[in-house]
N, C-alpha and C. Protein backbone atom coordinates (compact mmCIF):
# COMPACT_ATOMS: atom_id res chain seq x y z
N MET A 1 77.82 -92.10 -19.35
CA MET A 1 78.42 -90.80 -19.13
C MET A 1 77.34 -89.75 -18.94
N GLY A 2 77.75 -88.68 -18.31
CA GLY A 2 76.82 -87.58 -18.07
C GLY A 2 76.64 -86.71 -19.29
N GLU A 3 75.75 -85.79 -19.16
CA GLU A 3 75.45 -84.86 -20.24
C GLU A 3 76.51 -83.76 -20.30
N VAL A 4 76.86 -83.34 -21.50
CA VAL A 4 77.84 -82.27 -21.68
C VAL A 4 77.15 -80.95 -21.36
N VAL A 5 77.81 -80.15 -20.50
CA VAL A 5 77.22 -78.90 -20.06
C VAL A 5 78.15 -77.76 -20.42
N ASN A 6 77.61 -76.73 -21.04
CA ASN A 6 78.38 -75.55 -21.37
C ASN A 6 78.38 -74.65 -20.13
N LEU A 7 79.54 -74.48 -19.52
CA LEU A 7 79.63 -73.74 -18.27
C LEU A 7 79.25 -72.27 -18.43
N ARG A 8 79.54 -71.67 -19.56
CA ARG A 8 79.19 -70.28 -19.80
C ARG A 8 77.67 -70.10 -19.78
N VAL A 9 76.97 -71.02 -20.39
CA VAL A 9 75.51 -70.96 -20.40
C VAL A 9 74.96 -71.15 -18.99
N GLU A 10 75.54 -72.06 -18.25
CA GLU A 10 75.08 -72.30 -16.87
C GLU A 10 75.34 -71.08 -15.98
N ARG A 11 76.48 -70.43 -16.18
CA ARG A 11 76.77 -69.21 -15.40
C ARG A 11 75.76 -68.12 -15.72
N LYS A 12 75.43 -67.97 -17.01
CA LYS A 12 74.45 -66.96 -17.40
C LYS A 12 73.08 -67.28 -16.81
N ARG A 13 72.69 -68.54 -16.81
CA ARG A 13 71.40 -68.96 -16.27
C ARG A 13 71.34 -68.67 -14.76
N LYS A 14 72.44 -68.98 -14.07
CA LYS A 14 72.50 -68.72 -12.63
C LYS A 14 72.43 -67.22 -12.35
N ARG A 15 73.14 -66.43 -13.14
CA ARG A 15 73.15 -64.97 -12.97
C ARG A 15 71.76 -64.37 -13.20
N ARG A 16 71.06 -64.84 -14.24
CA ARG A 16 69.71 -64.34 -14.52
C ARG A 16 68.76 -64.65 -13.36
N LYS A 17 68.90 -65.83 -12.79
CA LYS A 17 68.04 -66.21 -11.67
C LYS A 17 68.32 -65.30 -10.46
N GLN A 18 69.59 -65.05 -10.18
CA GLN A 18 69.96 -64.15 -9.09
C GLN A 18 69.44 -62.73 -9.34
N ASP A 19 69.56 -62.26 -10.56
CA ASP A 19 69.08 -60.92 -10.91
C ASP A 19 67.57 -60.81 -10.74
N ALA A 20 66.86 -61.87 -11.10
CA ALA A 20 65.40 -61.86 -10.96
C ALA A 20 65.00 -61.78 -9.50
N VAL A 21 65.69 -62.51 -8.65
CA VAL A 21 65.41 -62.47 -7.21
C VAL A 21 65.70 -61.09 -6.65
N LYS A 22 66.83 -60.53 -7.04
CA LYS A 22 67.20 -59.19 -6.57
C LYS A 22 66.20 -58.14 -7.04
N ALA A 23 65.74 -58.25 -8.29
CA ALA A 23 64.77 -57.30 -8.82
C ALA A 23 63.46 -57.37 -8.04
N THR A 24 63.04 -58.57 -7.70
CA THR A 24 61.82 -58.75 -6.92
C THR A 24 61.97 -58.09 -5.55
N GLU A 25 63.10 -58.27 -4.92
CA GLU A 25 63.36 -57.64 -3.62
C GLU A 25 63.35 -56.12 -3.74
N GLN A 26 63.96 -55.59 -4.79
CA GLN A 26 64.02 -54.14 -4.97
C GLN A 26 62.63 -53.55 -5.23
N ARG A 27 61.80 -54.25 -6.00
CA ARG A 27 60.45 -53.76 -6.25
C ARG A 27 59.65 -53.71 -4.94
N ALA A 28 59.83 -54.70 -4.10
CA ALA A 28 59.13 -54.71 -2.82
C ALA A 28 59.65 -53.60 -1.91
N LEU A 29 60.93 -53.34 -1.97
CA LEU A 29 61.55 -52.34 -1.12
C LEU A 29 61.17 -50.92 -1.53
N HIS A 30 61.15 -50.65 -2.82
CA HIS A 30 60.96 -49.29 -3.31
C HIS A 30 59.53 -48.97 -3.72
N GLY A 31 58.67 -49.95 -3.75
CA GLY A 31 57.27 -49.69 -4.02
C GLY A 31 56.94 -49.53 -5.48
N ALA A 32 55.84 -48.85 -5.74
CA ALA A 32 55.29 -48.72 -7.08
C ALA A 32 55.99 -47.62 -7.87
N THR A 33 55.84 -47.69 -9.18
CA THR A 33 56.39 -46.65 -10.04
C THR A 33 55.50 -45.41 -9.96
N LYS A 34 55.99 -44.32 -10.50
CA LYS A 34 55.25 -43.06 -10.45
C LYS A 34 53.92 -43.19 -11.18
N SER A 35 53.92 -43.86 -12.31
CA SER A 35 52.67 -44.01 -13.07
C SER A 35 51.67 -44.88 -12.31
N GLU A 36 52.15 -45.92 -11.61
CA GLU A 36 51.25 -46.75 -10.82
C GLU A 36 50.64 -45.96 -9.66
N LYS A 37 51.46 -45.11 -9.04
CA LYS A 37 50.97 -44.29 -7.93
C LYS A 37 49.91 -43.31 -8.40
N SER A 38 50.17 -42.65 -9.54
CA SER A 38 49.20 -41.68 -10.04
C SER A 38 47.91 -42.37 -10.48
N LEU A 39 48.02 -43.56 -11.04
CA LEU A 39 46.83 -44.31 -11.44
C LEU A 39 46.01 -44.69 -10.22
N GLU A 40 46.67 -45.13 -9.16
CA GLU A 40 45.96 -45.50 -7.94
C GLU A 40 45.29 -44.28 -7.30
N GLU A 41 45.96 -43.13 -7.32
CA GLU A 41 45.35 -41.91 -6.78
C GLU A 41 44.11 -41.52 -7.58
N ALA A 42 44.19 -41.64 -8.90
CA ALA A 42 43.04 -41.31 -9.75
C ALA A 42 41.87 -42.25 -9.47
N ARG A 43 42.16 -43.52 -9.29
CA ARG A 43 41.10 -44.49 -8.98
C ARG A 43 40.45 -44.18 -7.63
N GLU A 44 41.27 -43.85 -6.64
CA GLU A 44 40.73 -43.52 -5.32
C GLU A 44 39.85 -42.28 -5.38
N GLU A 45 40.30 -41.27 -6.10
CA GLU A 45 39.54 -40.02 -6.23
C GLU A 45 38.21 -40.28 -6.94
N ARG A 46 38.25 -41.08 -7.98
CA ARG A 46 37.02 -41.41 -8.72
C ARG A 46 36.05 -42.19 -7.83
N ALA A 47 36.55 -43.12 -7.04
CA ALA A 47 35.70 -43.89 -6.15
C ALA A 47 35.08 -42.98 -5.07
N LYS A 48 35.88 -42.05 -4.57
CA LYS A 48 35.38 -41.11 -3.56
C LYS A 48 34.28 -40.23 -4.14
N LEU A 49 34.50 -39.71 -5.34
CA LEU A 49 33.48 -38.88 -5.98
C LEU A 49 32.21 -39.67 -6.25
N ASN A 50 32.37 -40.89 -6.69
CA ASN A 50 31.22 -41.74 -6.98
C ASN A 50 30.43 -42.01 -5.70
N LEU A 51 31.12 -42.25 -4.61
CA LEU A 51 30.45 -42.48 -3.33
C LEU A 51 29.74 -41.21 -2.87
N ASP A 52 30.38 -40.06 -3.00
CA ASP A 52 29.76 -38.80 -2.58
C ASP A 52 28.52 -38.46 -3.41
N GLN A 53 28.53 -38.84 -4.67
CA GLN A 53 27.38 -38.56 -5.53
C GLN A 53 26.16 -39.39 -5.14
N HIS A 54 26.38 -40.52 -4.50
CA HIS A 54 25.27 -41.39 -4.11
C HIS A 54 24.83 -41.17 -2.66
N ARG A 55 25.40 -40.18 -2.02
CA ARG A 55 25.06 -39.89 -0.63
C ARG A 55 23.67 -39.26 -0.55
N LEU A 56 22.90 -39.69 0.40
CA LEU A 56 21.56 -39.14 0.60
C LEU A 56 21.64 -38.00 1.63
N ASP A 57 21.03 -36.88 1.32
CA ASP A 57 20.99 -35.76 2.26
C ASP A 57 19.69 -35.85 3.03
N THR A 58 19.80 -36.02 4.36
CA THR A 58 18.62 -36.12 5.19
C THR A 58 18.35 -34.82 5.93
N GLY A 59 19.33 -33.94 5.97
CA GLY A 59 19.15 -32.67 6.65
C GLY A 59 19.47 -32.75 8.14
N ASP A 60 19.87 -33.89 8.64
CA ASP A 60 20.18 -34.07 10.06
C ASP A 60 21.53 -33.50 10.45
N ARG A 61 22.41 -33.30 9.50
CA ARG A 61 23.77 -32.88 9.80
C ARG A 61 23.88 -31.37 9.71
N GLU A 62 23.76 -30.69 10.80
CA GLU A 62 23.94 -29.24 10.77
C GLU A 62 24.55 -28.76 12.03
């Protein structure tokens, strides 16, 4: 004989899997959270400042 399966548990498992797939699609569709965006902007600004601080002035640009 086969294994006894609780249908309620199987329905919940199937629903969780569907929800996880949908959540992944929504994250891709809507992008990053506000905190992730602000963190990325801060990192970019810091990298830009760091690069500008290491720039050599030759006097050729006038």
